[in-house]
Amino acid sequence: MSDPQPAAPPGLAVDLGGTNVRAAAVTADGQILARRQALTQPQLGLAHVLDRIAEAVGGAATEAGLNTD
């Protein structure tokens, strides 16, 4: 008999739209562990949009207990 495979670590998903950026930490089978949402505010420039993505992803990862190092 083979040893059971270790569970895949959760992943992070991002939905970037013109109005909102949404991020979620999800398991391999699709269970949502945490979600974050923020306004995209593209009129404030690319650096701002990238900061909003980082904030949403970091918040979802932290809430889900994922290592963010």
PDB file of N, CA and C in Angstrom:
ATOM      1  N   MET A   1       0.834  -1.186   0.000  1.00  0.00           N
ATOM      2  CA  MET A   1       0.000   0.000   0.000  1.00  0.00           C
ATOM      3  C   MET A   1       0.874   1.244   0.000  1.00  0.00           C
ATOM      4  N   SER A   2       0.433   2.243  -0.700  1.00  0.00           N
ATOM      5  CA  SER A   2       1.211   3.472  -0.749  1.00  0.00           C
ATOM      6  C   SER A   2       0.800   4.417   0.373  1.00  0.00           C
ATOM      7  N   ASP A   3       1.747   5.258   0.738  1.00  0.00           N
ATOM      8  CA  ASP A   3       1.455   6.272   1.749  1.00  0.00           C
ATOM      9  C   ASP A   3       0.524   7.310   1.161  1.00  0.00           C
ATOM     10  N   PRO A   4      -0.389   7.857   1.980  1.00  0.00           N
ATOM     11  CA  PRO A   4      -1.277   8.906   1.462  1.00  0.00           C
ATOM     12  C   PRO A   4      -0.456  10.139   1.090  1.00  0.00           C
ATOM     13  N   GLN A   5      -0.878  10.800   0.033  1.00  0.00           N
ATOM     14  CA  GLN A   5      -0.218  12.019  -0.412  1.00  0.00           C
ATOM     15  C   GLN A   5      -0.515  13.148   0.575  1.00  0.00           C
ATOM     16  N   PRO A   6       0.475  13.969   0.863  1.00  0.00           N
ATOM     17  CA  PRO A   6       0.193  15.122   1.726  1.00  0.00           C
ATOM     18  C   PRO A   6      -0.766  16.075   1.023  1.00  0.00           C
ATOM     19  N   ALA A   7      -1.566  16.750   1.804  1.00  0.00           N
ATOM     20  CA  ALA A   7      -2.530  17.704   1.228  1.00  0.00           C
ATOM     21  C   ALA A   7      -1.780  18.860   0.583  1.00  0.00           C
ATOM     22  N   ALA A   8      -2.275  19.284  -0.557  1.00  0.00           N
ATOM     23  CA  ALA A   8      -1.681  20.444  -1.230  1.00  0.00           C
ATOM     24  C   ALA A   8      -1.911  21.681  -0.376  1.00  0.00           C
ATOM     25  N   PRO A   9      -0.936  22.569  -0.331  1.00  0.00           N
ATOM     26  CA  PRO A   9      -1.128  23.792   0.452  1.00  0.00           C
ATOM     27  C   PRO A   9      -2.193  24.679  -0.187  1.00  0.00           C
ATOM     28  N   PRO A  10      -2.821  25.536   0.597  1.00  0.00           N
ATOM     29  CA  PRO A  10      -3.808  26.455   0.023  1.00  0.00           C
ATOM     30  C   PRO A  10      -3.146  27.368  -1.007  1.00  0.00           C
ATOM     31  N   GLY A  11      -3.952  27.845  -1.925  1.00  0.00           N
ATOM     32  CA  GLY A  11      -3.483  28.787  -2.929  1.00  0.00           C
ATOM     33  C   GLY A  11      -4.155  30.129  -2.735  1.00  0.00           C
ATOM     34  N   LEU A  12      -3.661  31.120  -3.442  1.00  0.00           N
ATOM     35  CA  LEU A  12      -4.238  32.461  -3.391  1.00  0.00           C
ATOM     36  C   LEU A  12      -4.774  32.804  -4.774  1.00  0.00           C
ATOM     37  N   ALA A  13      -5.982  33.320  -4.818  1.00  0.00           N
ATOM     38  CA  ALA A  13      -6.619  33.700  -6.074  1.00  0.00           C
ATOM     39  C   ALA A  13      -6.906  35.194  -6.053  1.00  0.00           C
ATOM     40  N   VAL A  14      -6.768  35.841  -7.210  1.00  0.00           N
ATOM     41  CA  VAL A  14      -7.005  37.284  -7.319  1.00  0.00           C
ATOM     42  C   VAL A  14      -7.952  37.548  -8.480  1.00  0.00           C
ATOM     43  N   ASP A  15      -8.923  38.412  -8.239  1.00  0.00           N
ATOM     44  CA  ASP A  15      -9.834  38.893  -9.273  1.00  0.00           C
ATOM     45  C   ASP A  15      -9.632  40.401  -9.355  1.00  0.00           C
ATOM     46  N   LEU A  16      -8.989  40.861 -10.408  1.00  0.00           N
ATOM     47  CA  LEU A  16      -8.721  42.278 -10.579  1.00  0.00           C
ATOM     48  C   LEU A  16      -9.696  42.851 -11.587  1.00  0.00           C
ATOM     49  N   GLY A  17     -10.508  43.785 -11.132  1.00  0.00           N
ATOM     50  CA  GLY A  17     -11.464  44.449 -12.008  1.00  0.00           C
ATOM     51  C   GLY A  17     -11.265  45.951 -11.957  1.00  0.00           C
ATOM     52  N   GLY A  18     -11.982  46.648 -12.779  1.00  0.00           N
ATOM     53  CA  GLY A  18     -11.869  48.100 -12.823  1.00  0.00           C
ATOM     54  C   GLY A  18     -12.415  48.786 -11.589  1.00  0.00           C
ATOM     55  N   THR A  19     -13.292  48.129 -10.859  1.00  0.00           N
ATOM     56  CA  THR A  19     -13.898  48.711  -9.660  1.00  0.00           C
ATOM     57  C   THR A  19     -13.339  48.104  -8.376  1.00  0.00           C
ATOM     58  N   ASN A  20     -13.168  46.785  -8.354  1.00  0.00           N
ATOM     59  CA  ASN A  20     -12.722  46.092  -7.148  1.00  0.00           C
ATOM     60  C   ASN A  20     -11.580  45.141  -7.440  1.00  0.00           C
ATOM     61  N   VAL A  21     -10.769  44.918  -6.418  1.00  0.00           N
ATOM     62  CA  VAL A  21      -9.811  43.823  -6.422  1.00  0.00           C
ATOM     63  C   VAL A  21     -10.248  42.896  -5.294  1.00  0.00           C
ATOM     64  N   ARG A  22     -10.341  41.615  -5.615  1.00  0.00           N
ATOM     65  CA  ARG A  22     -10.755  40.620  -4.623  1.00  0.00           C
ATOM     66  C   ARG A  22      -9.669  39.560  -4.557  1.00  0.00           C
ATOM     67  N   ALA A  23      -9.401  39.092  -3.358  1.00  0.00           N
ATOM     68  CA  ALA A  23      -8.415  38.031  -3.168  1.00  0.00           C
ATOM     69  C   ALA A  23      -9.000  37.002  -2.216  1.00  0.00           C
ATOM     70  N   ALA A  24      -8.593  35.756  -2.405  1.00  0.00           N
ATOM     71  CA  ALA A  24      -9.068  34.679  -1.539  1.00  0.00           C
ATOM     72  C   ALA A  24      -7.970  33.643  -1.361  1.00  0.00           C
ATOM     73  N   ALA A  25      -7.949  33.048  -0.181  1.00  0.00           N
ATOM     74  CA  ALA A  25      -7.117  31.878   0.085  1.00  0.00           C
ATOM     75  C   ALA A  25      -8.043  30.681  -0.039  1.00  0.00           C
ATOM     76  N   VAL A  26      -7.655  29.714  -0.877  1.00  0.00           N
ATOM     77  CA  VAL A  26      -8.525  28.570  -1.156  1.00  0.00           C
ATOM     78  C   VAL A  26      -7.745  27.264  -1.063  1.00  0.00           C
ATOM     79  N   THR A  27      -8.447  26.208  -0.673  1.00  0.00           N
ATOM     80  CA  THR A  27      -7.844  24.880  -0.626  1.00  0.00           C
ATOM     81  C   THR A  27      -7.890  24.265  -2.020  1.00  0.00           C
ATOM     82  N   ALA A  28      -7.166  23.162  -2.183  1.00  0.00           N
ATOM     83  CA  ALA A  28      -7.126  22.477  -3.478  1.00  0.00           C
ATOM     84  C   ALA A  28      -8.504  22.008  -3.918  1.00  0.00           C
ATOM     85  N   ASP A  29      -9.399  21.750  -2.966  1.00  0.00           N
ATOM     86  CA  ASP A  29     -10.749  21.303  -3.332  1.00  0.00           C
ATOM     87  C   ASP A  29     -11.749  22.457  -3.431  1.00  0.00           C
ATOM     88  N   GLY A  30     -11.245  23.703  -3.377  1.00  0.00           N
ATOM     89  CA  GLY A  30     -12.102  24.861  -3.612  1.00  0.00           C
ATOM     90  C   GLY A  30     -12.719  25.508  -2.399  1.00  0.00           C
ATOM     91  N   GLN A  31     -12.402  25.041  -1.201  1.00  0.00           N
ATOM     92  CA  GLN A  31     -12.954  25.657   0.006  1.00  0.00           C
ATOM     93  C   GLN A  31     -12.282  27.012   0.228  1.00  0.00           C
ATOM     94  N   ILE A  32     -13.088  28.043   0.421  1.00  0.00           N
ATOM     95  CA  ILE A  32     -12.550  29.387   0.670  1.00  0.00           C
ATOM     96  C   ILE A  32     -12.226  29.514   2.146  1.00  0.00           C
ATOM     97  N   LEU A  33     -10.964  29.807   2.439  1.00  0.00           N
ATOM     98  CA  LEU A  33     -10.512  29.959   3.819  1.00  0.00           C
ATOM     99  C   LEU A  33     -10.609  31.403   4.290  1.00  0.00           C
ATOM    100  N   ALA A  34     -10.405  32.345   3.393  1.00  0.00           N
ATOM    101  CA  ALA A  34     -10.449  33.771   3.731  1.00  0.00           C
ATOM    102  C   ALA A  34     -10.622  34.568   2.456  1.00  0.00           C
ATOM    103  N   ARG A  35     -11.233  35.752   2.585  1.00  0.00           N
ATOM    104  CA  ARG A  35     -11.413  36.645   1.435  1.00  0.00           C
ATOM    105  C   ARG A  35     -11.149  38.084   1.861  1.00  0.00           C
ATOM    106  N   ARG A  36     -10.708  38.858   0.905  1.00  0.00           N
ATOM    107  CA  ARG A  36     -10.538  40.299   1.089  1.00  0.00           C
ATOM    108  C   ARG A  36     -10.980  41.007  -0.179  1.00  0.00           C
ATOM    109  N   GLN A  37     -11.464  42.220  -0.014  1.00  0.00           N
ATOM    110  CA  GLN A  37     -11.911  43.025  -1.152  1.00  0.00           C
ATOM    111  C   GLN A  37     -11.534  44.472  -0.888  1.00  0.00           C
ATOM    112  N   ALA A  38     -11.144  45.183  -1.936  1.00  0.00           N
ATOM    113  CA  ALA A  38     -10.823  46.603  -1.836  1.00  0.00           C
ATOM    114  C   ALA A  38     -11.180  47.274  -3.156  1.00  0.00           C
ATOM    115  N   LEU A  39     -11.377  48.574  -3.106  1.00  0.00           N
ATOM    116  CA  LEU A  39     -11.597  49.325  -4.339  1.00  0.00           C
ATOM    117  C   LEU A  39     -10.297  49.378  -5.125  1.00  0.00           C
ATOM    118  N   THR A  40     -10.384  49.214  -6.433  1.00  0.00           N
ATOM    119  CA  THR A  40      -9.198  49.235  -7.284  1.00  0.00           C
ATOM    120  C   THR A  40      -8.639  50.659  -7.421  1.00  0.00           C
ATOM    121  N   GLN A  41      -9.482  51.627  -7.670  1.00  0.00           N
ATOM    122  CA  GLN A  41      -9.121  53.036  -7.840  1.00  0.00           C
ATOM    123  C   GLN A  41      -8.025  53.239  -8.899  1.00  0.00           C
ATOM    124  N   PRO A  42      -8.256  52.787 -10.140  1.00  0.00           N
ATOM    125  CA  PRO A  42      -7.229  52.890 -11.173  1.00  0.00           C
ATOM    126  C   PRO A  42      -6.825  54.333 -11.503  1.00  0.00           C
ATOM    127  N   GLN A  43      -7.682  55.284 -11.221  1.00  0.00           N
ATOM    128  CA  GLN A  43      -7.358  56.682 -11.503  1.00  0.00           C
ATOM    129  C   GLN A  43      -6.178  57.172 -10.667  1.00  0.00           C
ATOM    130  N   LEU A  44      -5.819  56.426  -9.616  1.00  0.00           N
ATOM    131  CA  LEU A  44      -4.696  56.815  -8.762  1.00  0.00           C
ATOM    132  C   LEU A  44      -3.367  56.244  -9.232  1.00  0.00           C
ATOM    133  N   GLY A  45      -3.383  55.490 -10.328  1.00  0.00           N
ATOM    134  CA  GLY A  45      -2.149  55.020 -10.933  1.00  0.00           C
ATOM    135  C   GLY A  45      -1.823  53.565 -10.658  1.00  0.00           C
ATOM    136  N   LEU A  46      -0.864  53.067 -11.428  1.00  0.00           N
ATOM    137  CA  LEU A  46      -0.471  51.660 -11.353  1.00  0.00           C
ATOM    138  C   LEU A  46       0.077  51.280  -9.986  1.00  0.00           C
ATOM    139  N   ALA A  47       0.924  52.114  -9.419  1.00  0.00           N
ATOM    140  CA  ALA A  47       1.511  51.787  -8.109  1.00  0.00           C
ATOM    141  C   ALA A  47       0.416  51.593  -7.059  1.00  0.00           C
ATOM    142  N   HIS A  48      -0.608  52.431  -7.114  1.00  0.00           N
ATOM    143  CA  HIS A  48      -1.717  52.306  -6.158  1.00  0.00           C
ATOM    144  C   HIS A  48      -2.472  50.993  -6.366  1.00  0.00           C
ATOM    145  N   VAL A  49      -2.741  50.654  -7.621  1.00  0.00           N
ATOM    146  CA  VAL A  49      -3.452  49.401  -7.911  1.00  0.00           C
ATOM    147  C   VAL A  49      -2.633  48.210  -7.412  1.00  0.00           C
ATOM    148  N   LEU A  50      -1.331  48.218  -7.665  1.00  0.00           N
ATOM    149  CA  LEU A  50      -0.479  47.118  -7.189  1.00  0.00           C
ATOM    150  C   LEU A  50      -0.467  47.043  -5.662  1.00  0.00           C
ATOM    151  N   ASP A  51      -0.473  48.192  -4.997  1.00  0.00           N
ATOM    152  CA  ASP A  51      -0.557  48.196  -3.528  1.00  0.00           C
ATOM    153  C   ASP A  51      -1.874  47.596  -3.056  1.00  0.00           C
ATOM    154  N   ARG A  52      -2.962  47.907  -3.743  1.00  0.00           N
ATOM    155  CA  ARG A  52      -4.275  47.363  -3.354  1.00  0.00           C
ATOM    156  C   ARG A  52      -4.302  45.845  -3.528  1.00  0.00           C
ATOM    157  N   ILE A  53      -3.690  45.353  -4.609  1.00  0.00           N
ATOM    158  CA  ILE A  53      -3.611  43.905  -4.815  1.00  0.00           C
ATOM    159  C   ILE A  53      -2.810  43.270  -3.687  1.00  0.00           C
ATOM    160  N   ALA A  54      -1.655  43.857  -3.369  1.00  0.00           N
ATOM    161  CA  ALA A  54      -0.809  43.315  -2.303  1.00  0.00           C
ATOM    162  C   ALA A  54      -1.533  43.318  -0.961  1.00  0.00           C
ATOM    163  N   GLU A  55      -2.267  44.374  -0.670  1.00  0.00           N
ATOM    164  CA  GLU A  55      -3.020  44.450   0.582  1.00  0.00           C
ATOM    165  C   GLU A  55      -4.097  43.368   0.648  1.00  0.00           C
ATOM    166  N   ALA A  56      -4.815  43.181  -0.446  1.00  0.00           N
ATOM    167  CA  ALA A  56      -5.878  42.174  -0.467  1.00  0.00           C
ATOM    168  C   ALA A  56      -5.314  40.770  -0.331  1.00  0.00           C
ATOM    169  N   VAL A  57      -4.263  40.464  -1.087  1.00  0.00           N
ATOM    170  CA  VAL A  57      -3.644  39.132  -1.028  1.00  0.00           C
ATOM    171  C   VAL A  57      -3.030  38.898   0.346  1.00  0.00           C
ATOM    172  N   GLY A  58      -2.296  39.882   0.856  1.00  0.00           N
ATOM    173  CA  GLY A  58      -1.678  39.742   2.178  1.00  0.00           C
ATOM    174  C   GLY A  58      -2.713  39.562   3.275  1.00  0.00           C
ATOM    175  N   GLY A  59      -3.801  40.303   3.197  1.00  0.00           N
ATOM    176  CA  GLY A  59      -4.862  40.177   4.201  1.00  0.00           C
ATOM    177  C   GLY A  59      -5.522  38.811   4.176  1.00  0.00           C
ATOM    178  N   ALA A  60      -5.799  38.306   2.979  1.00  0.00           N
ATOM    179  CA  ALA A  60      -6.414  36.976   2.861  1.00  0.00           C
ATOM    180  C   ALA A  60      -5.458  35.902   3.368  1.00  0.00           C
ATOM    181  N   ALA A  61      -4.179  36.027   3.022  1.00  0.00           N
ATOM    182  CA  ALA A  61      -3.195  35.046   3.467  1.00  0.00           C
ATOM    183  C   ALA A  61      -3.056  35.053   4.986  1.00  0.00           C
ATOM    184  N   THR A  62      -2.966  36.217   5.565  1.00  0.00           N
ATOM    185  CA  THR A  62      -2.840  36.343   7.018  1.00  0.00           C
ATOM    186  C   THR A  62      -4.064  35.784   7.727  1.00  0.00           C
ATOM    187  N   GLU A  63      -5.243  36.135   7.250  1.00  0.00           N
ATOM    188  CA  GLU A  63      -6.490  35.653   7.857  1.00  0.00           C
ATOM    189  C   GLU A  63      -6.578  34.124   7.784  1.00  0.00           C
ATOM    190  N   ALA A  64      -6.059  33.542   6.710  1.00  0.00           N
ATOM    191  CA  ALA A  64      -6.103  32.087   6.541  1.00  0.00           C
ATOM    192  C   ALA A  64      -4.973  31.394   7.308  1.00  0.00           C
ATOM    193  N   GLY A  65      -4.082  32.168   7.906  1.00  0.00           N
ATOM    194  CA  GLY A  65      -2.988  31.569   8.668  1.00  0.00           C
ATOM    195  C   GLY A  65      -1.845  31.078   7.804  1.00  0.00           C
ATOM    196  N   LEU A  66      -1.717  31.614   6.595  1.00  0.00           N
ATOM    197  CA  LEU A  66      -0.636  31.197   5.699  1.00  0.00           C
ATOM    198  C   LEU A  66       0.639  31.978   6.026  1.00  0.00           C
ATOM    199  N   ASN A  67       1.767  31.355   5.819  1.00  0.00           N
ATOM    200  CA  ASN A  67       3.045  32.012   6.033  1.00  0.00           C
ATOM    201  C   ASN A  67       3.261  33.024   4.923  1.00  0.00           C
ATOM    202  N   THR A  68       3.473  34.288   5.269  1.00  0.00           N
ATOM    203  CA  THR A  68       3.634  35.328   4.260  1.00  0.00           C
ATOM    204  C   THR A  68       5.077  35.786   4.112  1.00  0.00           C
ATOM    205  N   ASP A  69       6.012  35.025   4.633  1.00  0.00           N
ATOM    206  CA  ASP A  69       7.440  35.393   4.502  1.00  0.00           C
ATOM    207  C   ASP A  69       7.932  35.133   3.109  1.00  0.00           C
TER     208      ASP A  69
END
